[in-house]
Amino acid sequence: MMKGTYTTDEAAELLEVTPGRVRQMVRAGLLRAEKFGRAHVIPADALKVAAARKTKPGPTPKAEVSPTGEKPKRATKKGDK
């Protein structure tokens, strides 16, 4: 059950990130929050938006492989042979 507002630690647990990442998202404008003393208070609707956005980094895509199993050729500079 969702409550009205969440602390940084609670938001981090729900978003499966660290509390530091939650604070970073707030500073970057990726997560709406209000200051309450020294702490940030995050509204439930802002958490839903952030969770839908998928903020966690994923693996770096690997080079494509052609159907024959060969890697695609890189573009060469002018003058390269």
PDB file of N, CA and C in Angstrom:
ATOM      1  N   MET A   1       0.847  -1.181   0.000  1.00  0.00           N
ATOM      2  CA  MET A   1       0.000   0.000   0.000  1.00  0.00           C
ATOM      3  C   MET A   1       0.882   1.229   0.000  1.00  0.00           C
ATOM      4  N   MET A   2       0.593   2.181  -0.871  1.00  0.00           N
ATOM      5  CA  MET A   2       1.392   3.391  -0.973  1.00  0.00           C
ATOM      6  C   MET A   2       0.874   4.424   0.014  1.00  0.00           C
ATOM      7  N   LYS A   3       1.797   5.068   0.687  1.00  0.00           N
ATOM      8  CA  LYS A   3       1.409   6.158   1.565  1.00  0.00           C
ATOM      9  C   LYS A   3       1.642   7.470   0.831  1.00  0.00           C
ATOM     10  N   GLY A   4       1.397   8.587   1.478  1.00  0.00           N
ATOM     11  CA  GLY A   4       1.466   9.887   0.807  1.00  0.00           C
ATOM     12  C   GLY A   4       2.858  10.378   0.474  1.00  0.00           C
ATOM     13  N   THR A   5       3.792  10.246   1.413  1.00  0.00           N
ATOM     14  CA  THR A   5       5.154  10.722   1.180  1.00  0.00           C
ATOM     15  C   THR A   5       6.159   9.705   1.711  1.00  0.00           C
ATOM     16  N   TYR A   6       7.376   9.796   1.193  1.00  0.00           N
ATOM     17  CA  TYR A   6       8.434   8.862   1.560  1.00  0.00           C
ATOM     18  C   TYR A   6       9.718   9.611   1.893  1.00  0.00           C
ATOM     19  N   THR A   7      10.506   9.038   2.771  1.00  0.00           N
ATOM     20  CA  THR A   7      11.822   9.579   3.067  1.00  0.00           C
ATOM     21  C   THR A   7      12.779   9.138   1.960  1.00  0.00           C
ATOM     22  N   THR A   8      13.976   9.691   1.975  1.00  0.00           N
ATOM     23  CA  THR A   8      14.988   9.308   0.997  1.00  0.00           C
ATOM     24  C   THR A   8      15.299   7.819   1.101  1.00  0.00           C
ATOM     25  N   ASP A   9      15.445   7.311   2.316  1.00  0.00           N
ATOM     26  CA  ASP A   9      15.755   5.891   2.508  1.00  0.00           C
ATOM     27  C   ASP A   9      14.619   4.994   2.010  1.00  0.00           C
ATOM     28  N   GLU A  10      13.373   5.372   2.294  1.00  0.00           N
ATOM     29  CA  GLU A  10      12.233   4.582   1.836  1.00  0.00           C
ATOM     30  C   GLU A  10      12.127   4.601   0.315  1.00  0.00           C
ATOM     31  N   ALA A  11      12.341   5.775  -0.276  1.00  0.00           N
ATOM     32  CA  ALA A  11      12.284   5.893  -1.733  1.00  0.00           C
ATOM     33  C   ALA A  11      13.376   5.056  -2.378  1.00  0.00           C
ATOM     34  N   ALA A  12      14.560   5.064  -1.783  1.00  0.00           N
ATOM     35  CA  ALA A  12      15.670   4.276  -2.321  1.00  0.00           C
ATOM     36  C   ALA A  12      15.328   2.795  -2.324  1.00  0.00           C
ATOM     37  N   GLU A  13      14.721   2.320  -1.259  1.00  0.00           N
ATOM     38  CA  GLU A  13      14.350   0.910  -1.178  1.00  0.00           C
ATOM     39  C   GLU A  13      13.314   0.556  -2.245  1.00  0.00           C
ATOM     40  N   LEU A  14      12.327   1.423  -2.437  1.00  0.00           N
ATOM     41  CA  LEU A  14      11.288   1.158  -3.433  1.00  0.00           C
ATOM     42  C   LEU A  14      11.821   1.218  -4.860  1.00  0.00           C
ATOM     43  N   LEU A  15      12.773   2.132  -5.108  1.00  0.00           N
ATOM     44  CA  LEU A  15      13.336   2.284  -6.449  1.00  0.00           C
ATOM     45  C   LEU A  15      14.519   1.345  -6.696  1.00  0.00           C
ATOM     46  N   GLU A  16      14.933   0.622  -5.650  1.00  0.00           N
ATOM     47  CA  GLU A  16      16.071  -0.296  -5.731  1.00  0.00           C
ATOM     48  C   GLU A  16      17.355   0.421  -6.137  1.00  0.00           C
ATOM     49  N   VAL A  17      17.589   1.587  -5.524  1.00  0.00           N
ATOM     50  CA  VAL A  17      18.812   2.354  -5.689  1.00  0.00           C
ATOM     51  C   VAL A  17      19.301   2.758  -4.301  1.00  0.00           C
ATOM     52  N   THR A  18      20.437   3.422  -4.232  1.00  0.00           N
ATOM     53  CA  THR A  18      20.951   3.869  -2.942  1.00  0.00           C
ATOM     54  C   THR A  18      20.310   5.201  -2.556  1.00  0.00           C
ATOM     55  N   PRO A  19      20.318   5.536  -1.266  1.00  0.00           N
ATOM     56  CA  PRO A  19      19.816   6.850  -0.852  1.00  0.00           C
ATOM     57  C   PRO A  19      20.585   8.000  -1.516  1.00  0.00           C
ATOM     58  N   GLY A  20      21.865   7.804  -1.738  1.00  0.00           N
ATOM     59  CA  GLY A  20      22.658   8.821  -2.439  1.00  0.00           C
ATOM     60  C   GLY A  20      22.165   9.047  -3.855  1.00  0.00           C
ATOM     61  N   ARG A  21      21.774   7.969  -4.532  1.00  0.00           N
ATOM     62  CA  ARG A  21      21.241   8.087  -5.896  1.00  0.00           C
ATOM     63  C   ARG A  21      19.909   8.829  -5.880  1.00  0.00           C
ATOM     64  N   VAL A  22      19.091   8.606  -4.856  1.00  0.00           N
ATOM     65  CA  VAL A  22      17.822   9.330  -4.738  1.00  0.00           C
ATOM     66  C   VAL A  22      18.105  10.825  -4.599  1.00  0.00           C
ATOM     67  N   ARG A  23      19.059  11.186  -3.737  1.00  0.00           N
ATOM     68  CA  ARG A  23      19.401  12.603  -3.577  1.00  0.00           C
ATOM     69  C   ARG A  23      19.942  13.187  -4.875  1.00  0.00           C
ATOM     70  N   GLN A  24      20.738  12.395  -5.602  1.00  0.00           N
ATOM     71  CA  GLN A  24      21.267  12.828  -6.887  1.00  0.00           C
ATOM     72  C   GLN A  24      20.130  13.064  -7.889  1.00  0.00           C
ATOM     73  N   MET A  25      19.157  12.180  -7.904  1.00  0.00           N
ATOM     74  CA  MET A  25      18.008  12.327  -8.797  1.00  0.00           C
ATOM     75  C   MET A  25      17.208  13.577  -8.461  1.00  0.00           C
ATOM     76  N   VAL A  26      17.085  13.886  -7.170  1.00  0.00           N
ATOM     77  CA  VAL A  26      16.370  15.090  -6.745  1.00  0.00           C
ATOM     78  C   VAL A  26      17.117  16.330  -7.243  1.00  0.00           C
ATOM     79  N   ARG A  27      18.443  16.349  -7.038  1.00  0.00           N
ATOM     80  CA  ARG A  27      19.243  17.508  -7.477  1.00  0.00           C
ATOM     81  C   ARG A  27      19.180  17.691  -8.988  1.00  0.00           C
ATOM     82  N   ALA A  28      19.154  16.583  -9.726  1.00  0.00           N
ATOM     83  CA  ALA A  28      19.127  16.643 -11.193  1.00  0.00           C
ATOM     84  C   ALA A  28      17.733  16.940 -11.746  1.00  0.00           C
ATOM     85  N   GLY A  29      16.718  16.962 -10.879  1.00  0.00           N
ATOM     86  CA  GLY A  29      15.362  17.225 -11.337  1.00  0.00           C
ATOM     87  C   GLY A  29      14.654  16.000 -11.884  1.00  0.00           C
ATOM     88  N   LEU A  30      15.221  14.817 -11.665  1.00  0.00           N
ATOM     89  CA  LEU A  30      14.600  13.591 -12.144  1.00  0.00           C
ATOM     90  C   LEU A  30      13.555  13.054 -11.177  1.00  0.00           C
ATOM     91  N   LEU A  31      13.578  13.555  -9.944  1.00  0.00           N
ATOM     92  CA  LEU A  31      12.652  13.104  -8.917  1.00  0.00           C
ATOM     93  C   LEU A  31      12.196  14.326  -8.127  1.00  0.00           C
ATOM     94  N   ARG A  32      10.894  14.560  -8.133  1.00  0.00           N
ATOM     95  CA  ARG A  32      10.331  15.708  -7.423  1.00  0.00           C
ATOM     96  C   ARG A  32      10.334  15.434  -5.928  1.00  0.00           C
ATOM     97  N   ALA A  33      10.781  16.423  -5.157  1.00  0.00           N
ATOM     98  CA  ALA A  33      10.823  16.283  -3.704  1.00  0.00           C
ATOM     99  C   ALA A  33      10.751  17.668  -3.066  1.00  0.00           C
ATOM    100  N   GLU A  34      10.414  17.676  -1.785  1.00  0.00           N
ATOM    101  CA  GLU A  34      10.386  18.911  -1.021  1.00  0.00           C
ATOM    102  C   GLU A  34      11.352  18.769   0.144  1.00  0.00           C
ATOM    103  N   LYS A  35      11.980  19.886   0.516  1.00  0.00           N
ATOM    104  CA  LYS A  35      12.868  19.867   1.665  1.00  0.00           C
ATOM    105  C   LYS A  35      12.036  19.991   2.925  1.00  0.00           C
ATOM    106  N   PHE A  36      12.339  19.169   3.903  1.00  0.00           N
ATOM    107  CA  PHE A  36      11.696  19.239   5.212  1.00  0.00           C
ATOM    108  C   PHE A  36      12.838  19.225   6.216  1.00  0.00           C
ATOM    109  N   GLY A  37      13.281  20.412   6.609  1.00  0.00           N
ATOM    110  CA  GLY A  37      14.493  20.515   7.408  1.00  0.00           C
ATOM    111  C   GLY A  37      15.676  20.179   6.525  1.00  0.00           C
ATOM    112  N   ARG A  38      16.468  19.196   6.930  1.00  0.00           N
ATOM    113  CA  ARG A  38      17.610  18.766   6.121  1.00  0.00           C
ATOM    114  C   ARG A  38      17.261  17.611   5.192  1.00  0.00           C
ATOM    115  N   ALA A  39      16.111  17.020   5.387  1.00  0.00           N
ATOM    116  CA  ALA A  39      15.736  15.825   4.628  1.00  0.00           C
ATOM    117  C   ALA A  39      14.849  16.174   3.440  1.00  0.00           C
ATOM    118  N   HIS A  40      14.835  15.286   2.468  1.00  0.00           N
ATOM    119  CA  HIS A  40      13.915  15.397   1.335  1.00  0.00           C
ATOM    120  C   HIS A  40      12.706  14.511   1.609  1.00  0.00           C
ATOM    121  N   VAL A  41      11.540  14.998   1.237  1.00  0.00           N
ATOM    122  CA  VAL A  41      10.304  14.232   1.331  1.00  0.00           C
ATOM    123  C   VAL A  41       9.789  14.063  -0.094  1.00  0.00           C
ATOM    124  N   ILE A  42       9.599  12.816  -0.495  1.00  0.00           N
ATOM    125  CA  ILE A  42       9.224  12.511  -1.874  1.00  0.00           C
ATOM    126  C   ILE A  42       7.775  12.068  -1.912  1.00  0.00           C
ATOM    127  N   PRO A  43       6.933  12.752  -2.710  1.00  0.00           N
ATOM    128  CA  PRO A  43       5.525  12.351  -2.836  1.00  0.00           C
ATOM    129  C   PRO A  43       5.401  11.008  -3.572  1.00  0.00           C
ATOM    130  N   ALA A  44       4.356  10.259  -3.243  1.00  0.00           N
ATOM    131  CA  ALA A  44       4.124   8.940  -3.837  1.00  0.00           C
ATOM    132  C   ALA A  44       3.983   9.023  -5.356  1.00  0.00           C
ATOM    133  N   ASP A  45       3.309  10.055  -5.867  1.00  0.00           N
ATOM    134  CA  ASP A  45       3.128  10.148  -7.317  1.00  0.00           C
ATOM    135  C   ASP A  45       4.452  10.393  -8.029  1.00  0.00           C
ATOM    136  N   ALA A  46       5.377  11.108  -7.387  1.00  0.00           N
ATOM    137  CA  ALA A  46       6.700  11.326  -7.973  1.00  0.00           C
ATOM    138  C   ALA A  46       7.478  10.010  -8.028  1.00  0.00           C
ATOM    139  N   LEU A  47       7.288   9.149  -7.034  1.00  0.00           N
ATOM    140  CA  LEU A  47       7.949   7.842  -7.038  1.00  0.00           C
ATOM    141  C   LEU A  47       7.420   6.962  -8.163  1.00  0.00           C
ATOM    142  N   LYS A  48       6.117   7.025  -8.416  1.00  0.00           N
ATOM    143  CA  LYS A  48       5.534   6.233  -9.502  1.00  0.00           C
ATOM    144  C   LYS A  48       6.134   6.647 -10.841  1.00  0.00           C
ATOM    145  N   VAL A  49       6.294   7.955 -11.046  1.00  0.00           N
ATOM    146  CA  VAL A  49       6.864   8.465 -12.296  1.00  0.00           C
ATOM    147  C   VAL A  49       8.317   8.012 -12.431  1.00  0.00           C
ATOM    148  N   ALA A  50       9.089   8.133 -11.352  1.00  0.00           N
ATOM    149  CA  ALA A  50      10.499   7.745 -11.392  1.00  0.00           C
ATOM    150  C   ALA A  50      10.649   6.237 -11.609  1.00  0.00           C
ATOM    151  N   ALA A  51       9.805   5.445 -10.994  1.00  0.00           N
ATOM    152  CA  ALA A  51       9.880   3.994 -11.155  1.00  0.00           C
ATOM    153  C   ALA A  51       9.558   3.585 -12.591  1.00  0.00           C
ATOM    154  N   ALA A  52       8.629   4.286 -13.210  1.00  0.00           N
ATOM    155  CA  ALA A  52       8.256   3.981 -14.593  1.00  0.00           C
ATOM    156  C   ALA A  52       9.352   4.385 -15.570  1.00  0.00           C
ATOM    157  N   ARG A  53      10.187   5.359 -15.171  1.00  0.00           N
ATOM    158  CA  ARG A  53      11.221   5.874 -16.052  1.00  0.00           C
ATOM    159  C   ARG A  53      12.413   4.935 -16.150  1.00  0.00           C
ATOM    160  N   LYS A  54      12.584   4.048 -15.208  1.00  0.00           N
ATOM    161  CA  LYS A  54      13.692   3.084 -15.209  1.00  0.00           C
ATOM    162  C   LYS A  54      15.030   3.818 -15.164  1.00  0.00           C
ATOM    163  N   THR A  55      15.408   4.276 -13.981  1.00  0.00           N
ATOM    164  CA  THR A  55      16.607   5.096 -13.827  1.00  0.00           C
ATOM    165  C   THR A  55      17.886   4.310 -13.635  1.00  0.00           C
ATOM    166  N   LYS A  56      17.773   3.003 -13.431  1.00  0.00           N
ATOM    167  CA  LYS A  56      18.969   2.217 -13.194  1.00  0.00           C
ATOM    168  C   LYS A  56      19.720   2.006 -14.509  1.00  0.00           C
ATOM    169  N   PRO A  57      21.044   2.109 -14.484  1.00  0.00           N
ATOM    170  CA  PRO A  57      21.802   1.883 -15.718  1.00  0.00           C
ATOM    171  C   PRO A  57      21.789   0.410 -16.094  1.00  0.00           C
ATOM    172  N   GLY A  58      21.824   0.165 -17.345  1.00  0.00           N
ATOM    173  CA  GLY A  58      21.833  -1.208 -17.827  1.00  0.00           C
ATOM    174  C   GLY A  58      23.193  -1.564 -18.384  1.00  0.00           C
ATOM    175  N   PRO A  59      23.344  -2.767 -18.864  1.00  0.00           N
ATOM    176  CA  PRO A  59      24.627  -3.181 -19.435  1.00  0.00           C
ATOM    177  C   PRO A  59      24.894  -2.452 -20.747  1.00  0.00           C
ATOM    178  N   THR A  60      26.151  -2.266 -21.041  1.00  0.00           N
ATOM    179  CA  THR A  60      26.544  -1.634 -22.294  1.00  0.00           C
ATOM    180  C   THR A  60      26.266  -2.608 -23.429  1.00  0.00           C
ATOM    181  N   PRO A  61      25.579  -2.135 -24.487  1.00  0.00           N
ATOM    182  CA  PRO A  61      25.290  -3.044 -25.598  1.00  0.00           C
ATOM    183  C   PRO A  61      26.581  -3.519 -26.266  1.00  0.00           C
ATOM    184  N   LYS A  62      26.619  -4.775 -26.632  1.00  0.00           N
ATOM    185  CA  LYS A  62      27.789  -5.318 -27.318  1.00  0.00           C
ATOM    186  C   LYS A  62      27.669  -5.048 -28.807  1.00  0.00           C
ATOM    187  N   ALA A  63      28.790  -5.181 -29.493  1.00  0.00           N
ATOM    188  CA  ALA A  63      28.805  -4.966 -30.940  1.00  0.00           C
ATOM    189  C   ALA A  63      27.872  -5.959 -31.614  1.00  0.00           C
ATOM    190  N   GLU A  64      27.230  -5.495 -32.658  1.00  0.00           N
ATOM    191  CA  GLU A  64      26.321  -6.370 -33.393  1.00  0.00           C
ATOM    192  C   GLU A  64      27.120  -7.452 -34.126  1.00  0.00           C
ATOM    193  N   VAL A  65      26.521  -8.577 -34.281  1.00  0.00           N
ATOM    194  CA  VAL A  65      27.149  -9.675 -35.011  1.00  0.00           C
ATOM    195  C   VAL A  65      26.248  -9.988 -36.199  1.00  0.00           C
ATOM    196  N   SER A  66      26.858 -10.099 -37.358  1.00  0.00           N
ATOM    197  CA  SER A  66      26.077 -10.383 -38.558  1.00  0.00           C
ATOM    198  C   SER A  66      25.604 -11.836 -38.536  1.00  0.00           C
ATOM    199  N   PRO A  67      24.652 -12.189 -39.384  1.00  0.00           N
ATOM    200  CA  PRO A  67      24.156 -13.565 -39.426  1.00  0.00           C
ATOM    201  C   PRO A  67      25.257 -14.581 -39.728  1.00  0.00           C
ATOM    202  N   THR A  68      26.339 -14.158 -40.385  1.00  0.00           N
ATOM    203  CA  THR A  68      27.445 -15.080 -40.695  1.00  0.00           C
ATOM    204  C   THR A  68      28.406 -15.205 -39.521  1.00  0.00           C
ATOM    205  N   GLY A  69      28.174 -14.430 -38.459  1.00  0.00           N
ATOM    206  CA  GLY A  69      29.033 -14.508 -37.288  1.00  0.00           C
ATOM    207  C   GLY A  69      30.171 -13.516 -37.288  1.00  0.00           C
ATOM    208  N   GLU A  70      30.240 -12.676 -38.322  1.00  0.00           N
ATOM    209  CA  GLU A  70      31.318 -11.691 -38.402  1.00  0.00           C
ATOM    210  C   GLU A  70      30.895 -10.392 -37.723  1.00  0.00           C
ATOM    211  N   LYS A  71      31.868  -9.729 -37.113  1.00  0.00           N
ATOM    212  CA  LYS A  71      31.596  -8.420 -36.539  1.00  0.00           C
ATOM    213  C   LYS A  71      31.545  -7.404 -37.671  1.00  0.00           C
ATOM    214  N   PRO A  72      30.725  -6.354 -37.539  1.00  0.00           N
ATOM    215  CA  PRO A  72      30.666  -5.352 -38.599  1.00  0.00           C
ATOM    216  C   PRO A  72      31.993  -4.614 -38.695  1.00  0.00           C
ATOM    217  N   LYS A  73      32.345  -4.215 -39.904  1.00  0.00           N
ATOM    218  CA  LYS A  73      33.600  -3.501 -40.124  1.00  0.00           C
ATOM    219  C   LYS A  73      33.441  -2.055 -39.682  1.00  0.00           C
ATOM    220  N   ARG A  74      34.519  -1.533 -39.082  1.00  0.00           N
ATOM    221  CA  ARG A  74      34.517  -0.141 -38.665  1.00  0.00           C
ATOM    222  C   ARG A  74      34.754   0.759 -39.861  1.00  0.00           C
ATOM    223  N   ALA A  75      34.222   1.948 -39.766  1.00  0.00           N
ATOM    224  CA  ALA A  75      34.487   2.929 -40.812  1.00  0.00           C
ATOM    225  C   ALA A  75      35.952   3.336 -40.719  1.00  0.00           C
ATOM    226  N   THR A  76      36.606   3.472 -41.845  1.00  0.00           N
ATOM    227  CA  THR A  76      38.017   3.843 -41.834  1.00  0.00           C
ATOM    228  C   THR A  76      38.165   5.315 -42.151  1.00  0.00           C
ATOM    229  N   LYS A  77      39.282   5.866 -41.672  1.00  0.00           N
ATOM    230  CA  LYS A  77      39.583   7.260 -41.968  1.00  0.00           C
ATOM    231  C   LYS A  77      40.070   7.375 -43.402  1.00  0.00           C
ATOM    232  N   LYS A  78      39.932   8.560 -43.937  1.00  0.00           N
ATOM    233  CA  LYS A  78      40.408   8.799 -45.279  1.00  0.00           C
ATOM    234  C   LYS A  78      41.915   8.596 -45.293  1.00  0.00           C
ATOM    235  N   GLY A  79      42.404   7.809 -46.162  1.00  0.00           N
ATOM    236  CA  GLY A  79      43.836   7.544 -46.260  1.00  0.00           C
ATOM    237  C   GLY A  79      44.219   6.222 -45.640  1.00  0.00           C
ATOM    238  N   ASP A  80      43.351   5.624 -44.785  1.00  0.00           N
ATOM    239  CA  ASP A  80      43.640   4.317 -44.201  1.00  0.00           C
ATOM    240  C   ASP A  80      43.420   3.232 -45.262  1.00  0.00           C
ATOM    241  N   LYS A  81      44.236   2.226 -45.230  1.00  0.00           N
ATOM    242  CA  LYS A  81      44.073   1.144 -46.205  1.00  0.00           C
ATOM    243  C   LYS A  81      43.851  -0.159 -45.524  1.00  0.00           C
TER     244      LYS A  81
END
